[in-house]
Amino acid sequence: MKLLTADQMREMEKRADASGNTYTMMMERAGKAVADAIVKRWGANQRVLVLVGPGNNGGDGLVCARYLHDAGANVSLYFWKRVARNDDDNYRLCMERKLPVTRTENDPEFKTLKQLVNDCDLIVDALLGTGVTRPIEGPLKDLLTTIKNQLANQLTHQPTQLVPSFPLFPSVPSIIAIDLPSGLNPDTGALDPAALNADLTITFAFPKTGQLAFPGANAVGELVVVDIGIKEEWADASLPDAATAREVATMLPVRARDSHKGTFGKAMLCVGSANYVGAAYLAGTAATHAGAGLVTLALARTIYPMVASTSHETTFVVLPDDLGALVPDAVRVLGNHLTDYDALLIGCGFGRDPKTVEFVQQLLGLDTKRKPQVGFATQFTEIKELKELPPMVIDADALYALSQSGEWWKTLKPNSIILTPHPGEMATLTGLPRAEIQADRANVVKRFAAQWQQVVVLKGAFTVVASSDGRTTLLPFATPALATAGTGDVLAGTIVAMLAQKLAPFEAAVAGGYLHGVAGEIAEKEIGKAGVVAGDLLPRLREAILRITEN
């Protein structure tokens, strides 16, 4: 699903209007969709305060208010700069239903507003939507500040429970934003200090770029995209995407009843070191849980007994090492086992021992002391007939080894590798300051994916995946549950499992990253924002697959 700016969305609405899907029709669909989402989430028997602004966003709010009333909700309207006009059918229909209206100009000290906030269960923000053009000030700032203060006052005066338990008292009203929380810039994610933080944002036709950018994303809450009759194929193909469960489901392989382990591919994972034994376990187990038919861990001899004692579903290749760090001669041993494998992962938990850096460089043909080779280090005559490396994922300290190899991208086979840096590793690879990368994540990743001719996965909140042909996809996940050591190893193992199942590199990165994000959200809901560890994601990968395929 494409990500649009506010101007791009307006152009799409113009095209829809010209095609016969009029603005009136789209507004009706939008308001009804919001009301339906509210009833589905909270039920119809709610006290609802709808904040109505002067533009189309306010019109959406009036339609929503009408449908909520008809469903059985107790609805009140609060107008800011909304003029009652004879040709405003949505206002007329609300008045026919005798919905109570309070206007800002008639409530100078916000006494009525305060009482409405105190008496409601839900607040619907239909003030600005994408119409924010300048800092919020004046009466609107006072209005929003009054609501925020009133909500804070409600929290302060809730009875204190000495021992946490299930809530015994009503919580503060939930906030539903129509299209965007008022004060969120739809293009940049900039957030006005006066903005209300929504629990649920219902946006129309397409997600907006600012909804998946910080700090604004903090105010969006859960984001739901609803159809208002605008055709998705009208969007410019060059625009970035936001991944959806439906799209990812089409990428995952069909699992026929007569399948065998070879059907879903063989993944080789060269991972771990003495200091990072857990990385091998996490990546290997993630690959098995993500559906690879056979997973083999290629490990330093020193750590093999420790990993083998916990990884019962994987097979093993034991590699030469020096005190738990892989050494260059491991290239020969690994190469003799790679012939029949569909995908390879290197780097998780490697460490930066100079001998391991040399191992990576020789494996990839990046030894600068000799003429570079494409793919595998061919000077080892003992290697069985392996003409090139299988599609691969390069993660963690193997990325550092790349950064020590000059113009490494000129040696590697194009479009055969997935690079999975976090922002610090991306800074090392590119020479750009980390802050510059984070300020323009999608464009930075797109630029370097094209330069390096590989798929790049920039990890973090709203992970970005880009391919050399310009395709760019944001993964719609930003949860603190994933901000813990080892989750990157789980991600790498999940992606290599997708590669092993014959997904192309870009699709493997998107599908693997999406599964990983869903597993993180499941863990957050079941465990909490704090206390989730990387191992908690492993069994939840299976549930993530189930949710996506049954969506």
Protein backbone atom coordinates (compact mmCIF):
# COMPACT_ATOMS: atom_id res chain seq x y z
CA MET A 1 0.00 0.00 0.00
CA LYS A 2 1.50 3.32 -1.09
CA LEU A 3 2.51 6.07 1.34
CA LEU A 4 1.22 9.49 0.28
CA THR A 5 1.86 13.10 1.18
CA ALA A 6 -1.05 15.47 1.77
CA ASP A 7 -0.73 17.00 -1.72
CA GLN A 8 -0.61 13.57 -3.35
CA MET A 9 -3.73 12.56 -1.44
CA ARG A 10 -5.54 15.71 -2.57
CA GLU A 11 -4.68 14.89 -6.17
CA MET A 12 -6.06 11.38 -5.71
CA GLU A 13 -9.30 12.82 -4.29
CA LYS A 14 -9.59 15.17 -7.28
CA ARG A 15 -9.19 12.25 -9.64
CA ALA A 16 -11.78 10.24 -7.74
CA ASP A 17 -14.21 13.17 -7.82
CA ALA A 18 -13.71 13.57 -11.56
CA SER A 19 -14.38 9.86 -12.06
CA GLY A 20 -17.77 10.04 -10.37
CA ASN A 21 -16.77 9.21 -6.79
CA THR A 22 -17.66 12.69 -5.56
CA TYR A 23 -16.30 14.47 -2.52
CA THR A 24 -19.72 14.07 -0.91
CA MET A 25 -19.64 10.33 -1.51
CA MET A 26 -16.09 10.00 -0.18
CA MET A 27 -17.00 11.99 2.94
CA GLU A 28 -19.99 9.75 3.56
CA ARG A 29 -17.82 6.64 3.23
CA ALA A 30 -15.12 8.14 5.46
CA GLY A 31 -17.43 9.14 8.29
CA LYS A 32 -19.29 5.85 8.21
CA ALA A 33 -16.00 3.91 8.25
CA VAL A 34 -14.90 5.81 11.35
CA ALA A 35 -18.19 5.14 13.10
CA ASP A 36 -18.05 1.47 12.15
CA ALA A 37 -14.51 1.17 13.52
CA ILE A 38 -15.55 2.82 16.78
CA VAL A 39 -18.58 0.55 17.23
CA LYS A 40 -16.48 -2.50 16.41
CA ARG A 41 -13.85 -1.52 18.97
CA TRP A 42 -15.89 -0.08 21.82
CA GLY A 43 -19.50 -0.99 21.09
CA ALA A 44 -22.39 1.36 20.33
CA ASN A 45 -23.42 2.20 23.89
CA GLN A 46 -20.89 4.99 24.38
CA ARG A 47 -20.93 8.67 25.28
CA VAL A 48 -19.07 10.35 22.45
CA LEU A 49 -17.75 13.90 22.12
CA VAL A 50 -17.00 14.86 18.50
CA LEU A 51 -14.69 17.86 18.00
CA VAL A 52 -15.70 19.41 14.68
CA GLY A 53 -13.46 21.71 12.65
CA PRO A 54 -14.29 23.97 9.69
CA GLY A 55 -13.07 21.87 6.75
CA ASN A 56 -13.60 18.46 5.23
CA ASN A 57 -12.21 16.79 8.35
CA GLY A 58 -15.05 18.38 10.31
CA GLY A 59 -17.47 17.12 7.68
CA ASP A 60 -16.14 13.60 8.20
CA GLY A 61 -16.76 14.11 11.90
CA LEU A 62 -20.39 15.12 11.35
CA VAL A 63 -21.03 12.03 9.24
CA CYS A 64 -19.37 9.90 11.92
CA ALA A 65 -21.51 11.55 14.63
CA ARG A 66 -24.71 10.78 12.70
CA TYR A 67 -23.85 7.12 12.22
CA LEU A 68 -22.81 6.76 15.87
CA HIS A 69 -26.09 8.29 17.00
CA ASP A 70 -28.07 5.97 14.74
CA ALA A 71 -26.16 3.01 16.18
CA GLY A 72 -27.23 3.98 19.71
CA ALA A 73 -24.40 6.20 20.98
CA ASN A 74 -25.00 9.36 23.02
CA VAL A 75 -23.26 11.97 20.82
CA SER A 76 -22.37 15.61 21.55
CA LEU A 77 -20.80 18.03 19.07
CA TYR A 78 -18.26 20.75 19.87
CA PHE A 79 -17.64 23.21 17.01
CA TRP A 80 -14.48 25.20 16.39
CA LYS A 81 -14.86 27.73 13.55
CA ARG A 82 -17.60 25.60 11.99
CA VAL A 83 -20.22 27.80 10.40
CA ALA A 84 -23.77 26.47 10.14
CA ARG A 85 -24.71 26.71 6.46
CA ASN A 86 -27.96 25.86 4.73
CA ASP A 87 -26.11 23.79 2.14
CA ASP A 88 -24.26 21.74 4.77
CA ASP A 89 -26.29 18.54 4.56
CA ASN A 90 -24.19 16.78 7.18
CA TYR A 91 -24.89 19.54 9.69
CA ARG A 92 -28.59 19.47 8.78
CA LEU A 93 -28.82 15.71 9.29
CA CYS A 94 -27.20 16.02 12.71
CA MET A 95 -29.66 18.76 13.66
CA GLU A 96 -32.58 16.60 12.53
CA ARG A 97 -31.35 14.08 15.10
CA LYS A 98 -31.20 16.86 17.69
CA LEU A 99 -27.53 16.28 18.50
CA PRO A 100 -26.45 18.89 21.05
CA VAL A 101 -23.98 21.47 19.71
CA THR A 102 -21.63 23.74 21.64
CA ARG A 103 -19.64 26.40 19.82
CA THR A 104 -16.26 27.67 20.98
CA GLU A 105 -17.40 31.28 20.74
CA ASN A 106 -20.28 30.52 23.12
CA ASP A 107 -18.02 28.77 25.63
CA PRO A 108 -15.37 31.42 26.40
CA GLU A 109 -14.00 29.76 29.53
CA PHE A 110 -14.51 26.21 28.21
CA LYS A 111 -16.79 25.31 31.09
CA THR A 112 -19.05 23.26 28.82
CA LEU A 113 -16.08 21.62 27.13
CA LYS A 114 -14.65 20.55 30.48
CA GLN A 115 -17.97 19.02 31.48
CA LEU A 116 -18.30 17.23 28.14
CA VAL A 117 -14.82 15.75 28.52
CA ASN A 118 -15.63 14.62 32.05
CA ASP A 119 -18.86 12.98 30.92
CA CYS A 120 -17.71 11.15 27.78
CA ASP A 121 -16.18 7.76 27.03
CA LEU A 122 -14.71 8.65 23.64
CA ILE A 123 -13.40 11.83 22.01
CA VAL A 124 -13.36 12.03 18.21
CA ASP A 125 -10.82 14.52 16.83
CA ALA A 126 -12.21 15.94 13.56
CA LEU A 127 -10.65 19.38 13.81
CA LEU A 128 -7.85 19.61 11.23
CA GLY A 129 -6.87 16.30 9.65
CA THR A 130 -4.33 17.00 6.91
CA GLY A 131 -5.20 20.69 7.07
CA VAL A 132 -2.43 21.68 9.49
CA THR A 133 -0.36 24.43 7.86
CA ARG A 134 1.07 26.41 10.75
CA PRO A 135 1.65 26.12 14.50
CA ILE A 136 -1.54 25.75 16.49
CA GLU A 137 -2.31 28.89 18.45
CA GLY A 138 -5.16 31.06 19.64
CA PRO A 139 -8.55 29.53 20.49
CA LEU A 140 -7.70 26.13 18.98
CA LYS A 141 -4.59 25.86 21.12
CA ASP A 142 -6.66 26.83 24.17
CA LEU A 143 -9.30 24.25 23.24
CA LEU A 144 -6.82 21.40 22.88
CA THR A 145 -4.90 22.45 26.00
CA THR A 146 -8.13 22.47 27.99
CA ILE A 147 -8.90 18.91 26.90
CA LYS A 148 -5.38 17.71 27.72
CA ASN A 149 -5.51 19.34 31.15
CA GLN A 150 -8.92 17.89 31.83
CA LEU A 151 -7.75 14.39 30.89
CA ALA A 152 -4.67 14.79 33.09
CA ASN A 153 -6.90 15.95 35.94
CA GLN A 154 -9.06 12.84 35.55
CA LEU A 155 -5.98 10.64 35.83
CA THR A 156 -4.78 12.51 38.90
CA HIS A 157 -8.08 12.04 40.70
CA GLN A 158 -8.57 8.37 39.99
CA PRO A 159 -8.53 6.36 43.24
CA THR A 160 -5.15 4.92 44.13
CA GLN A 161 -4.72 1.15 44.21
CA LEU A 162 -2.00 -0.02 46.56
CA VAL A 163 -1.63 -3.30 44.71
CA PRO A 164 -2.03 -3.37 40.91
CA SER A 165 -5.02 -5.34 39.73
CA PHE A 166 -7.61 -5.23 37.02
CA PRO A 167 -9.04 -1.69 36.77
CA LEU A 168 -11.84 -1.06 39.22
CA PHE A 169 -12.64 2.44 37.94
CA PRO A 170 -13.32 3.89 34.50
CA SER A 171 -10.24 5.12 32.66
CA VAL A 172 -9.97 8.46 30.87
CA PRO A 173 -11.74 8.77 27.52
CA SER A 174 -10.10 7.15 24.51
CA ILE A 175 -9.25 9.47 21.61
CA ILE A 176 -10.01 8.64 18.00
CA ALA A 177 -8.39 10.79 15.31
CA ILE A 178 -10.08 11.13 11.94
CA ASP A 179 -7.39 10.90 9.23
CA LEU A 180 -4.66 12.42 11.47
CA PRO A 181 -4.41 13.79 14.99
CA SER A 182 -4.87 17.54 14.69
CA GLY A 183 -1.40 19.10 14.72
CA LEU A 184 0.43 16.21 13.06
CA ASN A 185 2.17 17.21 9.85
CA PRO A 186 1.04 14.59 7.31
CA ASP A 187 4.29 14.83 5.31
CA THR A 188 7.07 15.14 7.88
CA GLY A 189 5.73 13.69 11.12
CA ALA A 190 6.34 16.97 12.95
CA LEU A 191 3.97 17.25 15.90
CA ASP A 192 2.55 20.41 17.40
CA PRO A 193 2.85 20.50 21.22
CA ALA A 194 -0.90 21.12 21.46
CA ALA A 195 -1.84 17.94 19.58
CA LEU A 196 -3.92 15.26 21.26
CA ASN A 197 -2.37 11.80 21.31
CA ALA A 198 -4.83 9.39 19.73
CA ASP A 199 -5.45 5.81 20.80
CA LEU A 200 -6.74 5.03 17.31
CA THR A 201 -6.27 6.90 14.03
CA ILE A 202 -8.49 6.02 11.09
CA THR A 203 -7.05 7.30 7.83
CA PHE A 204 -8.48 7.12 4.36
CA ALA A 205 -7.40 5.26 1.22
CA PHE A 206 -3.67 5.38 1.95
CA PRO A 207 -1.42 5.90 4.98
CA LYS A 208 0.34 9.25 5.06
CA THR A 209 4.11 9.59 5.35
CA GLY A 210 3.91 11.60 8.57
CA GLN A 211 2.00 8.82 10.32
CA LEU A 212 5.05 6.56 10.02
CA ALA A 213 7.62 9.14 11.11
CA PHE A 214 8.60 10.38 14.53
CA PRO A 215 7.73 12.27 16.62
CA GLY A 216 4.27 12.30 15.05
CA ALA A 217 3.93 8.53 15.07
CA ASN A 218 3.77 8.72 18.87
CA ALA A 219 0.44 10.53 18.56
CA VAL A 220 -1.15 8.17 16.04
CA GLY A 221 -1.78 5.18 18.27
CA GLU A 222 -3.09 2.24 16.29
CA LEU A 223 -3.39 3.11 12.61
CA VAL A 224 -6.25 1.74 10.50
CA VAL A 225 -6.59 2.47 6.78
CA VAL A 226 -10.13 2.34 5.37
CA ASP A 227 -11.41 2.34 1.80
CA ILE A 228 -13.32 5.37 0.51
CA GLY A 229 -13.46 4.30 -3.13
CA ILE A 230 -10.09 5.59 -4.39
CA LYS A 231 -8.32 3.07 -6.60
CA GLU A 232 -4.95 1.98 -5.30
CA GLU A 233 -3.55 1.56 -8.79
CA TRP A 234 -3.88 5.31 -9.33
CA ALA A 235 -0.95 5.90 -6.97
CA ASP A 236 2.45 6.53 -8.56
CA ALA A 237 4.36 3.25 -8.63
CA SER A 238 7.56 5.02 -7.58
CA LEU A 239 6.11 6.05 -4.22
CA PRO A 240 7.22 4.14 -1.11
CA ASP A 241 4.96 1.43 0.27
CA ALA A 242 3.75 0.54 3.72
CA ALA A 243 3.65 -3.24 4.00
CA THR A 244 0.31 -4.86 4.76
CA ALA A 245 -0.61 -8.31 6.03
CA ARG A 246 -2.55 -9.02 2.85
CA GLU A 247 0.45 -8.25 0.64
CA VAL A 248 2.83 -10.27 2.79
CA ALA A 249 0.44 -13.24 2.78
CA THR A 250 0.78 -13.40 -1.01
CA MET A 251 4.57 -13.61 -0.68
CA LEU A 252 4.63 -16.61 1.65
CA PRO A 253 4.94 -20.01 -0.02
CA VAL A 254 1.97 -22.33 -0.27
CA ARG A 255 2.50 -25.31 2.00
CA ALA A 256 1.02 -28.27 0.19
CA ARG A 257 0.00 -31.42 2.06
CA ASP A 258 2.53 -33.55 0.16
CA SER A 259 5.49 -31.28 1.05
CA HIS A 260 8.75 -32.55 2.50
CA LYS A 261 11.62 -30.76 4.20
CA GLY A 262 13.32 -30.05 0.90
CA THR A 263 10.23 -28.27 -0.37
CA PHE A 264 10.84 -25.29 1.88
CA GLY A 265 14.54 -24.95 1.32
CA LYS A 266 17.81 -25.39 3.12
CA ALA A 267 19.31 -22.49 5.05
CA MET A 268 22.93 -22.33 6.21
CA LEU A 269 23.59 -19.92 9.07
CA CYS A 270 27.21 -19.08 9.82
CA VAL A 271 26.80 -17.31 13.13
CA GLY A 272 28.06 -16.88 16.67
CA SER A 273 31.34 -16.64 18.55
CA ALA A 274 32.57 -17.24 22.08
CA ASN A 275 31.20 -13.90 23.27
CA TYR A 276 27.86 -14.23 21.46
CA VAL A 277 26.75 -17.82 21.73
CA GLY A 278 23.11 -16.82 22.04
CA ALA A 279 23.11 -15.21 18.59
CA ALA A 280 23.56 -18.63 16.99
CA TYR A 281 20.66 -20.12 18.94
CA LEU A 282 18.33 -17.18 18.26
CA ALA A 283 19.01 -16.95 14.53
CA GLY A 284 18.86 -20.72 14.01
CA THR A 285 15.64 -21.19 15.96
CA ALA A 286 14.04 -18.22 14.21
CA ALA A 287 14.84 -19.80 10.84
CA THR A 288 13.15 -23.05 11.86
CA HIS A 289 10.09 -21.27 13.27
CA ALA A 290 9.81 -19.14 10.11
CA GLY A 291 9.36 -22.22 7.99
CA ALA A 292 12.70 -23.20 6.47
CA GLY A 293 12.70 -26.93 5.71
CA LEU A 294 16.26 -27.60 6.93
CA VAL A 295 18.43 -25.27 8.99
CA THR A 296 22.15 -25.86 9.49
CA LEU A 297 24.28 -23.86 11.89
CA ALA A 298 27.93 -23.41 10.89
CA LEU A 299 29.67 -22.69 14.18
CA ALA A 300 33.08 -22.13 15.65
CA ARG A 301 34.26 -25.41 17.14
CA THR A 302 34.56 -23.88 20.61
CA ILE A 303 30.87 -22.94 20.87
CA TYR A 304 29.40 -25.95 19.08
CA PRO A 305 28.70 -28.00 22.27
CA MET A 306 26.87 -25.09 23.91
CA VAL A 307 24.65 -24.35 20.94
CA ALA A 308 24.01 -28.00 20.10
CA SER A 309 22.70 -28.61 23.60
CA THR A 310 19.87 -26.10 23.04
CA SER A 311 19.19 -26.32 19.28
CA HIS A 312 17.59 -29.69 18.67
CA GLU A 313 15.97 -29.08 15.28
CA THR A 314 19.07 -27.87 13.45
CA THR A 315 22.02 -29.70 11.96
CA PHE A 316 25.60 -28.49 12.33
CA VAL A 317 28.85 -27.78 10.51
CA VAL A 318 31.79 -27.29 12.83
CA LEU A 319 34.30 -24.65 11.71
CA PRO A 320 37.92 -23.99 12.73
CA ASP A 321 38.33 -21.12 15.17
CA ASP A 322 40.75 -19.42 17.52
CA LEU A 323 39.32 -19.18 21.03
CA GLY A 324 35.80 -19.03 19.66
CA ALA A 325 36.49 -16.59 16.78
CA LEU A 326 36.23 -17.86 13.22
CA VAL A 327 39.46 -17.91 11.23
CA PRO A 328 40.10 -17.67 7.45
CA ASP A 329 40.52 -21.43 7.05
CA ALA A 330 36.84 -21.76 7.97
CA VAL A 331 36.10 -20.56 4.41
CA ARG A 332 37.28 -23.89 3.03
CA VAL A 333 35.24 -25.96 5.47
CA LEU A 334 32.10 -23.88 5.01
CA GLY A 335 32.47 -23.95 1.23
CA ASN A 336 32.57 -27.74 1.17
CA HIS A 337 29.07 -27.80 2.70
CA LEU A 338 27.33 -24.99 0.81
CA THR A 339 26.67 -26.65 -2.53
CA ASP A 340 23.15 -27.85 -1.78
CA TYR A 341 21.94 -24.85 0.25
CA ASP A 342 19.39 -22.32 -0.96
CA ALA A 343 20.34 -19.44 1.33
CA LEU A 344 23.18 -18.32 3.58
CA LEU A 345 23.30 -16.00 6.59
CA ILE A 346 26.57 -14.64 7.98
CA GLY A 347 27.45 -12.22 10.73
CA CYS A 348 25.14 -12.64 13.73
CA GLY A 349 27.33 -12.65 16.84
CA PHE A 350 30.65 -12.82 14.93
CA GLY A 351 32.52 -10.19 16.89
CA ARG A 352 35.25 -8.09 15.27
CA ASP A 353 38.34 -10.21 15.77
CA PRO A 354 40.70 -9.42 12.85
CA LYS A 355 40.78 -13.11 11.90
CA THR A 356 36.98 -13.16 11.62
CA VAL A 357 37.03 -9.98 9.54
CA GLU A 358 39.47 -11.71 7.19
CA PHE A 359 37.22 -14.80 7.10
CA VAL A 360 34.29 -12.65 5.90
CA GLN A 361 36.39 -10.84 3.34
CA GLN A 362 37.77 -14.05 1.89
CA LEU A 363 34.37 -15.72 1.86
CA LEU A 364 33.00 -12.83 -0.17
CA GLY A 365 36.06 -12.47 -2.39
CA LEU A 366 37.01 -9.12 -0.86
CA ASP A 367 40.64 -9.86 0.00
CA THR A 368 42.33 -6.66 -1.16
CA LYS A 369 45.76 -8.33 -1.38
CA ARG A 370 44.71 -10.17 -4.51
CA LYS A 371 42.49 -9.54 -7.47
CA PRO A 372 38.87 -9.50 -6.24
CA GLN A 373 36.69 -12.46 -7.12
CA VAL A 374 32.98 -12.39 -7.73
CA GLY A 375 31.39 -14.29 -4.89
CA PHE A 376 33.44 -17.07 -3.38
CA ALA A 377 37.18 -17.07 -2.60
CA THR A 378 38.34 -19.36 -5.39
CA GLN A 379 41.92 -19.86 -4.29
CA PHE A 380 40.91 -22.80 -2.11
CA THR A 381 41.25 -25.71 -4.53
CA GLU A 382 39.92 -28.18 -1.98
CA ILE A 383 36.43 -26.66 -2.19
CA LYS A 384 33.86 -28.78 -3.94
CA GLU A 385 32.32 -27.39 -7.11
CA LEU A 386 30.70 -24.24 -5.77
CA LYS A 387 30.54 -21.65 -8.50
CA GLU A 388 29.04 -18.89 -6.39
CA LEU A 389 27.49 -18.28 -3.01
CA PRO A 390 23.73 -18.82 -2.62
CA PRO A 391 21.48 -15.79 -1.97
CA MET A 392 22.50 -14.46 1.39
CA VAL A 393 21.86 -12.20 4.34
CA ILE A 394 24.77 -10.18 5.72
CA ASP A 395 24.17 -8.97 9.27
CA ALA A 396 25.89 -7.43 12.26
CA ASP A 397 29.68 -7.79 12.41
CA ALA A 398 29.87 -9.13 8.86
CA LEU A 399 28.69 -5.64 7.86
CA TYR A 400 31.65 -4.22 9.74
CA ALA A 401 33.93 -6.51 7.74
CA LEU A 402 32.42 -5.07 4.56
CA SER A 403 33.11 -1.54 5.74
CA GLN A 404 36.81 -2.44 6.08
CA SER A 405 37.01 -3.52 2.43
CA GLY A 406 36.95 -0.35 0.36
CA GLU A 407 34.40 -0.32 -2.46
CA TRP A 408 33.11 -3.75 -1.53
CA TRP A 409 29.88 -3.39 -3.49
CA LYS A 410 31.76 -3.49 -6.79
CA THR A 411 32.85 -7.07 -6.11
CA LEU A 412 29.61 -8.70 -4.97
CA LYS A 413 27.09 -10.22 -7.36
CA PRO A 414 24.30 -7.66 -7.82
CA ASN A 415 20.85 -8.28 -6.37
CA SER A 416 21.85 -11.44 -4.52
CA ILE A 417 22.38 -10.11 -1.00
CA ILE A 418 20.26 -8.62 1.79
CA LEU A 419 22.14 -6.22 4.07
CA THR A 420 20.53 -5.67 7.48
CA PRO A 421 22.21 -2.73 9.26
CA HIS A 422 20.92 -0.82 12.23
CA PRO A 423 21.47 2.97 12.04
CA GLY A 424 24.93 2.77 13.61
CA GLU A 425 26.05 0.11 11.15
CA MET A 426 24.52 2.09 8.30
CA ALA A 427 26.59 5.07 9.40
CA THR A 428 29.74 2.93 9.33
CA LEU A 429 28.93 1.58 5.87
CA THR A 430 28.02 4.93 4.34
CA GLY A 431 30.16 7.45 6.22
CA LEU A 432 27.03 9.50 6.94
CA PRO A 433 26.28 10.78 10.44
CA ARG A 434 23.71 8.65 12.21
CA ALA A 435 21.46 11.68 12.76
CA GLU A 436 21.42 12.40 9.02
CA ILE A 437 20.41 8.80 8.31
CA GLN A 438 17.61 8.85 10.88
CA ALA A 439 16.31 12.19 9.61
CA ASP A 440 15.65 10.78 6.13
CA ARG A 441 15.60 7.02 6.53
CA ALA A 442 13.64 6.03 3.44
CA ASN A 443 15.57 8.18 0.99
CA VAL A 444 18.95 7.25 2.44
CA VAL A 445 18.20 3.53 2.18
CA LYS A 446 16.83 3.93 -1.34
CA ARG A 447 19.96 5.79 -2.42
CA PHE A 448 22.44 3.25 -1.12
CA ALA A 449 20.44 0.22 -2.23
CA ALA A 450 20.77 1.64 -5.75
CA GLN A 451 24.49 2.36 -5.32
CA TRP A 452 25.30 -1.02 -3.81
CA GLN A 453 22.92 -2.93 -6.12
CA GLN A 454 21.60 -4.98 -3.22
CA VAL A 455 18.58 -5.07 -0.92
CA VAL A 456 19.09 -2.99 2.21
CA VAL A 457 17.07 -3.34 5.43
CA LEU A 458 17.53 -0.36 7.76
CA LYS A 459 16.37 -1.65 11.12
CA GLY A 460 14.62 0.34 13.81
CA ALA A 461 11.17 1.79 14.38
CA PHE A 462 9.42 1.57 11.00
CA THR A 463 12.14 -0.54 9.41
CA VAL A 464 12.80 0.44 5.79
CA VAL A 465 13.49 -2.08 3.01
CA ALA A 466 14.82 -0.88 -0.34
CA SER A 467 15.96 -2.64 -3.50
CA SER A 468 18.33 -1.58 -6.25
CA ASP A 469 15.44 -0.88 -8.63
CA GLY A 470 13.98 1.81 -6.36
CA ARG A 471 11.27 -0.17 -4.58
CA THR A 472 10.99 1.05 -0.99
CA THR A 473 8.77 -0.41 1.73
CA LEU A 474 8.24 0.70 5.32
CA LEU A 475 7.26 -1.93 7.86
CA PRO A 476 4.51 -0.44 10.08
CA PHE A 477 5.96 -1.52 13.42
CA ALA A 478 7.40 0.59 16.19
CA THR A 479 7.34 -1.23 19.52
CA PRO A 480 9.73 -1.03 22.46
CA ALA A 481 9.31 -4.78 22.81
CA LEU A 482 11.83 -5.13 19.97
CA ALA A 483 14.34 -2.75 21.52
CA THR A 484 16.36 -5.45 23.23
CA ALA A 485 19.49 -7.45 22.53
CA GLY A 486 19.12 -10.38 20.18
CA THR A 487 16.03 -9.29 18.28
CA GLY A 488 18.24 -8.50 15.29
CA ASP A 489 19.45 -12.11 15.29
CA VAL A 490 15.83 -13.27 15.23
CA LEU A 491 15.15 -10.93 12.31
CA ALA A 492 18.15 -12.19 10.34
CA GLY A 493 17.13 -15.81 10.91
CA THR A 494 13.59 -15.06 9.81
CA ILE A 495 14.73 -13.35 6.62
CA VAL A 496 17.13 -16.15 5.65
CA ALA A 497 14.27 -18.61 6.12
CA MET A 498 12.29 -16.61 3.57
CA LEU A 499 15.25 -16.72 1.17
CA ALA A 500 15.54 -20.47 1.64
CA GLN A 501 11.86 -20.80 0.68
CA LYS A 502 12.71 -19.27 -2.71
CA LEU A 503 11.46 -15.74 -2.13
CA ALA A 504 13.40 -13.13 -4.09
CA PRO A 505 15.66 -10.99 -1.88
CA PHE A 506 13.37 -7.94 -1.70
CA GLU A 507 10.26 -10.02 -0.94
CA ALA A 508 12.23 -12.13 1.56
CA ALA A 509 13.31 -8.99 3.41
CA VAL A 510 9.80 -7.52 3.48
CA ALA A 511 8.09 -10.77 4.49
CA GLY A 512 10.71 -11.65 7.11
CA GLY A 513 10.66 -8.16 8.57
CA TYR A 514 6.88 -8.12 8.68
CA LEU A 515 6.70 -11.47 10.48
CA HIS A 516 9.28 -10.22 12.95
CA GLY A 517 7.26 -7.04 13.57
CA VAL A 518 4.01 -8.92 14.13
CA ALA A 519 5.79 -11.25 16.57
CA GLY A 520 7.05 -8.18 18.43
CA GLU A 521 3.57 -6.70 18.68
CA ILE A 522 2.14 -10.00 19.92
CA ALA A 523 4.88 -10.14 22.57
CA GLU A 524 4.14 -6.58 23.64
CA LYS A 525 0.44 -7.33 24.09
CA GLU A 526 1.05 -10.58 25.96
CA ILE A 527 4.06 -9.55 28.08
CA GLY A 528 4.25 -5.77 28.04
CA LYS A 529 6.46 -3.04 26.68
CA ALA A 530 9.20 -3.88 29.16
CA GLY A 531 10.65 -7.28 29.89
CA VAL A 532 10.33 -8.85 26.45
CA VAL A 533 13.50 -10.70 25.47
CA ALA A 534 14.53 -11.91 22.04
CA GLY A 535 13.67 -15.51 22.84
CA ASP A 536 10.06 -14.46 23.46
CA LEU A 537 9.73 -13.75 19.75
CA LEU A 538 10.58 -17.27 18.65
CA PRO A 539 7.31 -19.11 19.42
CA ARG A 540 5.39 -16.00 18.36
CA LEU A 541 6.79 -16.18 14.84
CA ARG A 542 4.50 -19.15 14.27
CA GLU A 543 1.51 -17.18 15.52
CA ALA A 544 2.55 -14.28 13.29
CA ILE A 545 2.48 -16.54 10.23
CA LEU A 546 -0.95 -17.81 11.24
CA ARG A 547 -2.33 -14.30 11.68
CA ILE A 548 -0.99 -13.12 8.34
CA THR A 549 -2.14 -16.11 6.34
CA GLU A 550 -5.61 -16.08 7.93
CA ASN A 551 -6.02 -12.30 7.67
